[in-house]
Amino acid sequence: MNIPELIGSAWNSITAKRVYGEPYEKGGVVIIPAGFVWGGGGGGDGLDGQRAQGAGFGIVAHPTGAYEIKGGRVRWVPAIDVNLLITATAAVAVAYLRSRSRRTRVESRTTSSGV
C-alpha cells in the first residue's frame, strides 16, 4: 500500500461513526453510544533518491457515555472509566503527600535555624 492509499484509508476511518455508535432500541428507549476518538499519523519517502516509503496511523477510542431517548426526552448518561478515576485519585493523593512532606521539611529547617 502506498502513502496516498494509506492516507485515504485513514481518512475514511475518521468518521462520526467512530464517535457515535449505531442507535439501538431496548424496552422503548433509544440508546446512542458516544466516545472520544483521537488519532494521528505520519509518513515519508526515502532520502537521496532512494526508493522507499513508510507510513503509519493510529486511533485511540474511549467510551464517554450514551444519549438516552425516552418519551421524547433526551438524557446524557456518562460512562465512568474506573481505571482513569483510580489513576487520577492516586495522582492527587501522591501530589498532596509530596507537598505536605516538603512543607514539613521546610518548617523544620526554619524552626531549627531559629528564624
C-alpha atoms as a PDB file:
ATOM      1  CA  MET A   1       0.000   0.000   0.000  1.00  0.00           C
ATOM      2  CA  ASN A   2       1.480   3.367  -0.963  1.00  0.00           C
ATOM      3  CA  ILE A   3       1.244   6.549   1.105  1.00  0.00           C
ATOM      4  CA  PRO A   4      -1.730   8.126  -0.747  1.00  0.00           C
ATOM      5  CA  GLU A   5      -3.717   4.888  -0.328  1.00  0.00           C
ATOM      6  CA  LEU A   6      -2.811   4.747   3.359  1.00  0.00           C
ATOM      7  CA  ILE A   7      -3.864   8.361   3.886  1.00  0.00           C
ATOM      8  CA  GLY A   8      -7.132   7.690   2.041  1.00  0.00           C
ATOM      9  CA  SER A   9      -7.778   4.642   4.203  1.00  0.00           C
ATOM     10  CA  ALA A  10      -7.004   6.601   7.375  1.00  0.00           C
ATOM     11  CA  TRP A  11      -9.248   9.468   6.279  1.00  0.00           C
ATOM     12  CA  ASN A  12     -12.113   7.052   5.640  1.00  0.00           C
ATOM     13  CA  SER A  13     -11.722   5.634   9.154  1.00  0.00           C
ATOM     14  CA  ILE A  14     -12.221   9.064  10.750  1.00  0.00           C
ATOM     15  CA  THR A  15     -15.995   9.441  10.726  1.00  0.00           C
ATOM     16  CA  ALA A  16     -18.722  10.405  13.159  1.00  0.00           C
ATOM     17  CA  LYS A  17     -19.454   6.680  13.468  1.00  0.00           C
ATOM     18  CA  ARG A  18     -16.178   6.386  15.378  1.00  0.00           C
ATOM     19  CA  VAL A  19     -17.582   8.837  17.946  1.00  0.00           C
ATOM     20  CA  TYR A  20     -21.267   7.889  17.877  1.00  0.00           C
ATOM     21  CA  GLY A  21     -22.310   4.254  17.680  1.00  0.00           C
ATOM     22  CA  GLU A  22     -25.328   2.900  15.874  1.00  0.00           C
ATOM     23  CA  PRO A  23     -28.532   3.737  17.772  1.00  0.00           C
ATOM     24  CA  TYR A  24     -30.428   0.789  19.165  1.00  0.00           C
ATOM     25  CA  GLU A  25     -33.754   0.399  20.945  1.00  0.00           C
ATOM     26  CA  LYS A  26     -34.446  -1.631  24.044  1.00  0.00           C
ATOM     27  CA  GLY A  27     -37.670  -1.506  26.040  1.00  0.00           C
ATOM     28  CA  GLY A  28     -38.928   1.639  24.292  1.00  0.00           C
ATOM     29  CA  VAL A  29     -35.667   3.503  24.989  1.00  0.00           C
ATOM     30  CA  VAL A  30     -33.304   4.520  22.177  1.00  0.00           C
ATOM     31  CA  ILE A  31     -29.621   4.438  23.120  1.00  0.00           C
ATOM     32  CA  ILE A  32     -26.904   6.225  21.120  1.00  0.00           C
ATOM     33  CA  PRO A  33     -23.437   5.355  22.470  1.00  0.00           C
ATOM     34  CA  ALA A  34     -20.735   8.037  22.258  1.00  0.00           C
ATOM     35  CA  GLY A  35     -16.987   8.112  22.695  1.00  0.00           C
ATOM     36  CA  PHE A  36     -13.845  10.212  22.493  1.00  0.00           C
ATOM     37  CA  VAL A  37     -11.677   9.369  19.490  1.00  0.00           C
ATOM     38  CA  TRP A  38      -8.174  10.649  18.849  1.00  0.00           C
ATOM     39  CA  GLY A  39      -5.783   9.709  16.084  1.00  0.00           C
ATOM     40  CA  GLY A  40      -2.635  10.636  14.285  1.00  0.00           C
ATOM     41  CA  GLY A  41      -0.311   9.507  11.571  1.00  0.00           C
ATOM     42  CA  GLY A  42       2.728  10.273   9.529  1.00  0.00           C
ATOM     43  CA  GLY A  43       4.802   9.105   6.618  1.00  0.00           C
ATOM     44  CA  GLY A  44       7.783   9.791   4.454  1.00  0.00           C
ATOM     45  CA  ASP A  45       9.905   8.894   1.433  1.00  0.00           C
ATOM     46  CA  GLY A  46      13.474   7.652   1.081  1.00  0.00           C
ATOM     47  CA  LEU A  47      16.414  10.037   1.298  1.00  0.00           C
ATOM     48  CA  ASP A  48      18.712  10.978  -1.606  1.00  0.00           C
ATOM     49  CA  GLY A  49      16.518   9.455  -4.285  1.00  0.00           C
ATOM     50  CA  GLN A  50      16.300   6.037  -2.644  1.00  0.00           C
ATOM     51  CA  ARG A  51      13.131   4.179  -3.406  1.00  0.00           C
ATOM     52  CA  ALA A  52      11.485   3.789  -0.011  1.00  0.00           C
ATOM     53  CA  GLN A  53       8.256   4.787   1.631  1.00  0.00           C
ATOM     54  CA  GLY A  54       6.799   4.377   5.065  1.00  0.00           C
ATOM     55  CA  ALA A  55       3.725   5.487   6.922  1.00  0.00           C
ATOM     56  CA  GLY A  56       1.687   4.750   9.980  1.00  0.00           C
ATOM     57  CA  PHE A  57      -1.626   5.679  11.541  1.00  0.00           C
ATOM     58  CA  GLY A  58      -3.266   5.011  14.859  1.00  0.00           C
ATOM     59  CA  ILE A  59      -6.547   5.669  16.643  1.00  0.00           C
ATOM     60  CA  VAL A  60      -7.403   5.630  20.340  1.00  0.00           C
ATOM     61  CA  ALA A  61     -11.042   5.489  21.429  1.00  0.00           C
ATOM     62  CA  HIS A  62     -12.634   5.653  24.874  1.00  0.00           C
ATOM     63  CA  PRO A  63     -16.337   5.461  25.706  1.00  0.00           C
ATOM     64  CA  THR A  64     -17.694   8.676  27.188  1.00  0.00           C
ATOM     65  CA  GLY A  65     -21.348   7.791  27.656  1.00  0.00           C
ATOM     66  CA  ALA A  66     -24.602   7.497  25.778  1.00  0.00           C
ATOM     67  CA  TYR A  67     -27.616   9.546  24.837  1.00  0.00           C
ATOM     68  CA  GLU A  68     -30.827   8.014  26.121  1.00  0.00           C
ATOM     69  CA  ILE A  69     -34.024   8.974  24.287  1.00  0.00           C
ATOM     70  CA  LYS A  70     -37.173   8.049  26.180  1.00  0.00           C
ATOM     71  CA  GLY A  71     -40.646   9.510  25.779  1.00  0.00           C
ATOM     72  CA  GLY A  72     -39.395  12.366  23.584  1.00  0.00           C
ATOM     73  CA  ARG A  73     -36.791  13.434  26.160  1.00  0.00           C
ATOM     74  CA  VAL A  74     -33.033  13.155  25.705  1.00  0.00           C
ATOM     75  CA  ARG A  75     -30.695  12.493  28.618  1.00  0.00           C
ATOM     76  CA  TRP A  76     -26.893  12.167  28.684  1.00  0.00           C
ATOM     77  CA  VAL A  77     -25.648   9.187  30.705  1.00  0.00           C
ATOM     78  CA  PRO A  78     -21.880   9.451  31.289  1.00  0.00           C
ATOM     79  CA  ALA A  79     -19.664   6.373  31.213  1.00  0.00           C
ATOM     80  CA  ILE A  80     -17.391   6.105  34.207  1.00  0.00           C
ATOM     81  CA  ASP A  81     -13.849   4.981  33.417  1.00  0.00           C
ATOM     82  CA  VAL A  82     -12.909   3.296  36.693  1.00  0.00           C
ATOM     83  CA  ASN A  83      -9.229   2.970  35.717  1.00  0.00           C
ATOM     84  CA  LEU A  84      -8.978   6.687  34.956  1.00  0.00           C
ATOM     85  CA  LEU A  85     -10.778   7.529  38.199  1.00  0.00           C
ATOM     86  CA  ILE A  86      -8.388   5.366  40.250  1.00  0.00           C
ATOM     87  CA  THR A  87      -5.325   6.774  38.463  1.00  0.00           C
ATOM     88  CA  ALA A  88      -6.459  10.380  38.949  1.00  0.00           C
ATOM     89  CA  THR A  89      -7.250   9.776  42.631  1.00  0.00           C
ATOM     90  CA  ALA A  90      -3.840   8.187  43.185  1.00  0.00           C
ATOM     91  CA  ALA A  91      -2.081  11.078  41.401  1.00  0.00           C
ATOM     92  CA  VAL A  92      -3.868  13.654  43.564  1.00  0.00           C
ATOM     93  CA  ALA A  93      -3.026  11.690  46.731  1.00  0.00           C
ATOM     94  CA  VAL A  94       0.667  11.437  45.785  1.00  0.00           C
ATOM     95  CA  ALA A  95       0.836  15.153  44.951  1.00  0.00           C
ATOM     96  CA  TYR A  96      -0.798  16.028  48.283  1.00  0.00           C
ATOM     97  CA  LEU A  97       1.539  13.799  50.287  1.00  0.00           C
ATOM     98  CA  ARG A  98       4.640  15.127  48.497  1.00  0.00           C
ATOM     99  CA  SER A  99       3.643  18.766  49.078  1.00  0.00           C
ATOM    100  CA  ARG A 100       2.894  18.017  52.724  1.00  0.00           C
ATOM    101  CA  SER A 101       6.275  16.313  53.133  1.00  0.00           C
ATOM    102  CA  ARG A 102       8.092  19.293  51.588  1.00  0.00           C
ATOM    103  CA  ARG A 103       6.218  21.732  53.803  1.00  0.00           C
ATOM    104  CA  THR A 104       7.162  19.732  56.906  1.00  0.00           C
ATOM    105  CA  ARG A 105      10.860  19.728  55.898  1.00  0.00           C
ATOM    106  CA  VAL A 106      10.851  23.483  55.223  1.00  0.00           C
ATOM    107  CA  GLU A 107       9.130  24.198  58.542  1.00  0.00           C
ATOM    108  CA  SER A 108      11.606  22.003  60.455  1.00  0.00           C
ATOM    109  CA  ARG A 109      14.577  23.795  58.839  1.00  0.00           C
ATOM    110  CA  THR A 110      13.069  27.185  59.660  1.00  0.00           C
ATOM    111  CA  THR A 111      12.407  26.169  63.269  1.00  0.00           C
ATOM    112  CA  SER A 112      15.860  24.645  63.814  1.00  0.00           C
ATOM    113  CA  SER A 113      17.668  27.678  62.357  1.00  0.00           C
ATOM    114  CA  GLY A 114      15.879  29.982  64.767  1.00  0.00           C
ATOM    115  CA  VAL A 115      14.241  32.143  62.128  1.00  0.00           C
END
